[in-house]
Amino acid sequence: MKISYVLAISLFTLSSCVSVTPTFDEALMKHVEALNNDIDKIDSAVSAVYEDKTPFSKVEGIYVDAVSNVRSAIYIAEGRATYLRNRVSGRPAQIIHKALLICQEALMTQLAAHRKAPFNVETASTFATKEACSVPKLFEARLK
């Protein structure tokens, strides 16, 4: 009898924990990981030792991929946040969506600045794009 109470309490606790967080989304994670890889590629090109400053034209295609990935991730995260809006698990979904919007803003700011003038390591380090875009990846990975 005592074991059945312990089991019932354990299952209740476990089920309540599961409903507090949204489910892990593989498609969202795929886009967020691709976005972070694109940012790493941009940083690598900018920090190349053989060039003083990297022109925008050299990394324009990578920026296009990064913008596409962040927009796709935002679309998926927004749908999940809207679906879970009135549930307890809606708040974490909204936080991930907001983190992706901040990432997009950082990426677009860096893109606009790079379009105006070539970048080097010092210039690229003034933008917190890598840091801003690693936050949604970390949050989504915690849902696994």
C-alpha atoms as a PDB file:
ATOM      1  CA  MET A   1       0.000   0.000   0.000  1.00  0.00           C
ATOM      2  CA  LYS A   2       2.810   2.382   0.947  1.00  0.00           C
ATOM      3  CA  ILE A   3       4.627   1.671  -2.329  1.00  0.00           C
ATOM      4  CA  SER A   4       1.532   2.534  -4.372  1.00  0.00           C
ATOM      5  CA  TYR A   5       1.330   5.959  -2.673  1.00  0.00           C
ATOM      6  CA  VAL A   6       4.998   6.627  -3.356  1.00  0.00           C
ATOM      7  CA  LEU A   7       4.540   5.533  -6.968  1.00  0.00           C
ATOM      8  CA  ALA A   8       1.451   7.704  -7.386  1.00  0.00           C
ATOM      9  CA  ILE A   9       3.212  10.751  -5.929  1.00  0.00           C
ATOM     10  CA  SER A  10       6.263  10.121  -8.115  1.00  0.00           C
ATOM     11  CA  LEU A  11       4.156   9.836 -11.264  1.00  0.00           C
ATOM     12  CA  PHE A  12       2.203  12.979 -10.367  1.00  0.00           C
ATOM     13  CA  THR A  13       5.436  14.899  -9.792  1.00  0.00           C
ATOM     14  CA  LEU A  14       6.915  13.618 -13.036  1.00  0.00           C
ATOM     15  CA  SER A  15       3.805  14.461 -15.048  1.00  0.00           C
ATOM     16  CA  SER A  16       3.661  17.972 -13.612  1.00  0.00           C
ATOM     17  CA  CYS A  17       7.308  18.577 -14.549  1.00  0.00           C
ATOM     18  CA  VAL A  18       6.729  17.458 -18.101  1.00  0.00           C
ATOM     19  CA  SER A  19       3.859  19.890 -18.583  1.00  0.00           C
ATOM     20  CA  VAL A  20       5.926  22.880 -17.410  1.00  0.00           C
ATOM     21  CA  THR A  21       8.307  22.851 -20.376  1.00  0.00           C
ATOM     22  CA  PRO A  22       7.544  22.765 -24.082  1.00  0.00           C
ATOM     23  CA  THR A  23       8.676  19.732 -26.011  1.00  0.00           C
ATOM     24  CA  PHE A  24      12.031  19.731 -27.767  1.00  0.00           C
ATOM     25  CA  ASP A  25      11.682  20.651 -31.445  1.00  0.00           C
ATOM     26  CA  GLU A  26      14.214  18.951 -33.723  1.00  0.00           C
ATOM     27  CA  ALA A  27      13.460  21.262 -36.684  1.00  0.00           C
ATOM     28  CA  LEU A  28      13.997  24.358 -34.554  1.00  0.00           C
ATOM     29  CA  MET A  29      17.250  22.967 -33.204  1.00  0.00           C
ATOM     30  CA  LYS A  30      18.435  22.164 -36.734  1.00  0.00           C
ATOM     31  CA  HIS A  31      17.971  25.801 -37.801  1.00  0.00           C
ATOM     32  CA  VAL A  32      19.549  27.189 -34.630  1.00  0.00           C
ATOM     33  CA  GLU A  33      22.595  24.918 -35.008  1.00  0.00           C
ATOM     34  CA  ALA A  34      22.946  25.872 -38.693  1.00  0.00           C
ATOM     35  CA  LEU A  35      22.702  29.537 -37.701  1.00  0.00           C
ATOM     36  CA  ASN A  36      25.464  29.145 -35.127  1.00  0.00           C
ATOM     37  CA  ASN A  37      27.619  27.326 -37.704  1.00  0.00           C
ATOM     38  CA  ASP A  38      27.087  30.205 -40.158  1.00  0.00           C
ATOM     39  CA  ILE A  39      28.153  32.729 -37.521  1.00  0.00           C
ATOM     40  CA  ASP A  40      31.268  30.645 -36.839  1.00  0.00           C
ATOM     41  CA  LYS A  41      32.059  30.669 -40.579  1.00  0.00           C
ATOM     42  CA  ILE A  42      31.694  34.460 -40.702  1.00  0.00           C
ATOM     43  CA  ASP A  43      33.932  34.837 -37.650  1.00  0.00           C
ATOM     44  CA  SER A  44      36.521  32.522 -39.215  1.00  0.00           C
ATOM     45  CA  ALA A  45      36.545  34.482 -42.461  1.00  0.00           C
ATOM     46  CA  VAL A  46      36.849  37.780 -40.611  1.00  0.00           C
ATOM     47  CA  SER A  47      39.677  36.534 -38.411  1.00  0.00           C
ATOM     48  CA  ALA A  48      41.694  35.174 -41.332  1.00  0.00           C
ATOM     49  CA  VAL A  49      45.327  36.087 -40.757  1.00  0.00           C
ATOM     50  CA  TYR A  50      46.142  36.598 -44.388  1.00  0.00           C
ATOM     51  CA  GLU A  51      43.748  39.530 -44.821  1.00  0.00           C
ATOM     52  CA  ASP A  52      43.684  42.862 -43.085  1.00  0.00           C
ATOM     53  CA  LYS A  53      39.918  43.303 -43.415  1.00  0.00           C
ATOM     54  CA  THR A  54      37.328  40.966 -44.903  1.00  0.00           C
ATOM     55  CA  PRO A  55      34.967  42.551 -47.450  1.00  0.00           C
ATOM     56  CA  PHE A  56      31.238  41.891 -47.219  1.00  0.00           C
ATOM     57  CA  SER A  57      31.200  40.257 -50.656  1.00  0.00           C
ATOM     58  CA  LYS A  58      33.401  37.431 -49.377  1.00  0.00           C
ATOM     59  CA  VAL A  59      30.872  36.362 -46.713  1.00  0.00           C
ATOM     60  CA  GLU A  60      27.610  37.580 -48.241  1.00  0.00           C
ATOM     61  CA  GLY A  61      26.395  34.041 -49.002  1.00  0.00           C
ATOM     62  CA  ILE A  62      27.012  32.972 -45.414  1.00  0.00           C
ATOM     63  CA  TYR A  63      25.004  35.962 -44.172  1.00  0.00           C
ATOM     64  CA  VAL A  64      22.140  34.951 -46.489  1.00  0.00           C
ATOM     65  CA  ASP A  65      22.162  31.438 -45.009  1.00  0.00           C
ATOM     66  CA  ALA A  66      22.307  32.810 -41.454  1.00  0.00           C
ATOM     67  CA  VAL A  67      19.377  35.178 -42.031  1.00  0.00           C
ATOM     68  CA  SER A  68      17.370  32.361 -43.607  1.00  0.00           C
ATOM     69  CA  ASN A  69      18.081  30.049 -40.671  1.00  0.00           C
ATOM     70  CA  VAL A  70      17.197  32.632 -38.031  1.00  0.00           C
ATOM     71  CA  ARG A  71      13.936  33.498 -39.813  1.00  0.00           C
ATOM     72  CA  SER A  72      12.990  29.821 -40.080  1.00  0.00           C
ATOM     73  CA  ALA A  73      13.789  29.274 -36.399  1.00  0.00           C
ATOM     74  CA  ILE A  74      11.715  32.327 -35.424  1.00  0.00           C
ATOM     75  CA  TYR A  75       8.788  31.049 -37.491  1.00  0.00           C
ATOM     76  CA  ILE A  76       8.878  27.661 -35.762  1.00  0.00           C
ATOM     77  CA  ALA A  77       9.374  29.159 -32.285  1.00  0.00           C
ATOM     78  CA  GLU A  78       6.579  31.672 -32.822  1.00  0.00           C
ATOM     79  CA  GLY A  79       4.172  28.905 -33.811  1.00  0.00           C
ATOM     80  CA  ARG A  80       5.072  26.888 -30.730  1.00  0.00           C
ATOM     81  CA  ALA A  81       4.764  29.933 -28.441  1.00  0.00           C
ATOM     82  CA  THR A  82       1.367  30.798 -29.920  1.00  0.00           C
ATOM     83  CA  TYR A  83       0.123  27.228 -29.564  1.00  0.00           C
ATOM     84  CA  LEU A  84       1.269  27.020 -25.935  1.00  0.00           C
ATOM     85  CA  ARG A  85       0.258  30.593 -25.071  1.00  0.00           C
ATOM     86  CA  ASN A  86      -2.328  29.702 -22.407  1.00  0.00           C
ATOM     87  CA  ARG A  87      -0.390  26.809 -20.906  1.00  0.00           C
ATOM     88  CA  VAL A  88       2.288  26.742 -18.245  1.00  0.00           C
ATOM     89  CA  SER A  89       4.775  25.552 -20.859  1.00  0.00           C
ATOM     90  CA  GLY A  90       4.008  28.636 -22.933  1.00  0.00           C
ATOM     91  CA  ARG A  91       6.351  30.886 -20.969  1.00  0.00           C
ATOM     92  CA  PRO A  92       9.548  28.935 -21.795  1.00  0.00           C
ATOM     93  CA  ALA A  93       8.429  28.809 -25.438  1.00  0.00           C
ATOM     94  CA  GLN A  94       7.985  32.602 -25.407  1.00  0.00           C
ATOM     95  CA  ILE A  95      11.441  33.055 -23.884  1.00  0.00           C
ATOM     96  CA  ILE A  96      13.054  31.005 -26.665  1.00  0.00           C
ATOM     97  CA  HIS A  97      11.108  33.009 -29.264  1.00  0.00           C
ATOM     98  CA  LYS A  98      12.264  36.287 -27.694  1.00  0.00           C
ATOM     99  CA  ALA A  99      15.878  35.041 -27.588  1.00  0.00           C
ATOM    100  CA  LEU A 100      15.680  34.299 -31.319  1.00  0.00           C
ATOM    101  CA  LEU A 101      14.356  37.807 -32.006  1.00  0.00           C
ATOM    102  CA  ILE A 102      17.319  39.262 -30.090  1.00  0.00           C
ATOM    103  CA  CYS A 103      19.655  37.020 -32.103  1.00  0.00           C
ATOM    104  CA  GLN A 104      18.084  38.232 -35.344  1.00  0.00           C
ATOM    105  CA  GLU A 105      18.504  41.858 -34.291  1.00  0.00           C
ATOM    106  CA  ALA A 106      22.187  41.308 -33.487  1.00  0.00           C
ATOM    107  CA  LEU A 107      22.754  39.487 -36.786  1.00  0.00           C
ATOM    108  CA  MET A 108      21.027  42.182 -38.835  1.00  0.00           C
ATOM    109  CA  THR A 109      22.995  44.929 -37.064  1.00  0.00           C
ATOM    110  CA  GLN A 110      26.266  43.148 -37.804  1.00  0.00           C
ATOM    111  CA  LEU A 111      25.209  42.506 -41.408  1.00  0.00           C
ATOM    112  CA  ALA A 112      24.355  46.186 -41.973  1.00  0.00           C
ATOM    113  CA  ALA A 113      27.658  47.334 -40.479  1.00  0.00           C
ATOM    114  CA  HIS A 114      29.648  44.791 -42.486  1.00  0.00           C
ATOM    115  CA  ARG A 115      27.862  45.840 -45.665  1.00  0.00           C
ATOM    116  CA  LYS A 116      29.071  49.423 -45.075  1.00  0.00           C
ATOM    117  CA  ALA A 117      32.713  48.612 -44.322  1.00  0.00           C
ATOM    118  CA  PRO A 118      35.064  45.604 -44.333  1.00  0.00           C
ATOM    119  CA  PHE A 119      35.523  43.813 -40.995  1.00  0.00           C
ATOM    120  CA  ASN A 120      38.526  42.601 -39.081  1.00  0.00           C
ATOM    121  CA  VAL A 121      38.681  40.711 -35.772  1.00  0.00           C
ATOM    122  CA  GLU A 122      38.410  43.842 -33.633  1.00  0.00           C
ATOM    123  CA  THR A 123      35.386  45.143 -35.541  1.00  0.00           C
ATOM    124  CA  ALA A 124      33.580  41.806 -35.390  1.00  0.00           C
ATOM    125  CA  SER A 125      34.168  41.476 -31.655  1.00  0.00           C
ATOM    126  CA  THR A 126      32.154  44.646 -30.978  1.00  0.00           C
ATOM    127  CA  PHE A 127      29.013  42.807 -32.061  1.00  0.00           C
ATOM    128  CA  ALA A 128      27.644  40.204 -29.685  1.00  0.00           C
ATOM    129  CA  THR A 129      26.082  38.150 -32.467  1.00  0.00           C
ATOM    130  CA  LYS A 130      27.744  34.872 -31.520  1.00  0.00           C
ATOM    131  CA  GLU A 131      26.761  35.294 -27.886  1.00  0.00           C
ATOM    132  CA  ALA A 132      23.202  36.414 -28.675  1.00  0.00           C
ATOM    133  CA  CYS A 133      22.628  33.480 -31.020  1.00  0.00           C
ATOM    134  CA  SER A 134      24.086  30.878 -28.688  1.00  0.00           C
ATOM    135  CA  VAL A 135      21.387  31.618 -26.078  1.00  0.00           C
ATOM    136  CA  PRO A 136      18.417  30.129 -28.005  1.00  0.00           C
ATOM    137  CA  LYS A 137      20.555  27.104 -28.893  1.00  0.00           C
ATOM    138  CA  LEU A 138      21.333  26.548 -25.224  1.00  0.00           C
ATOM    139  CA  PHE A 139      17.686  27.020 -24.195  1.00  0.00           C
ATOM    140  CA  GLU A 140      16.375  24.610 -26.829  1.00  0.00           C
ATOM    141  CA  ALA A 141      19.051  22.026 -26.016  1.00  0.00           C
ATOM    142  CA  ARG A 142      17.916  22.077 -22.369  1.00  0.00           C
ATOM    143  CA  LEU A 143      14.502  20.815 -23.466  1.00  0.00           C
ATOM    144  CA  LYS A 144      15.939  17.480 -24.655  1.00  0.00           C
END
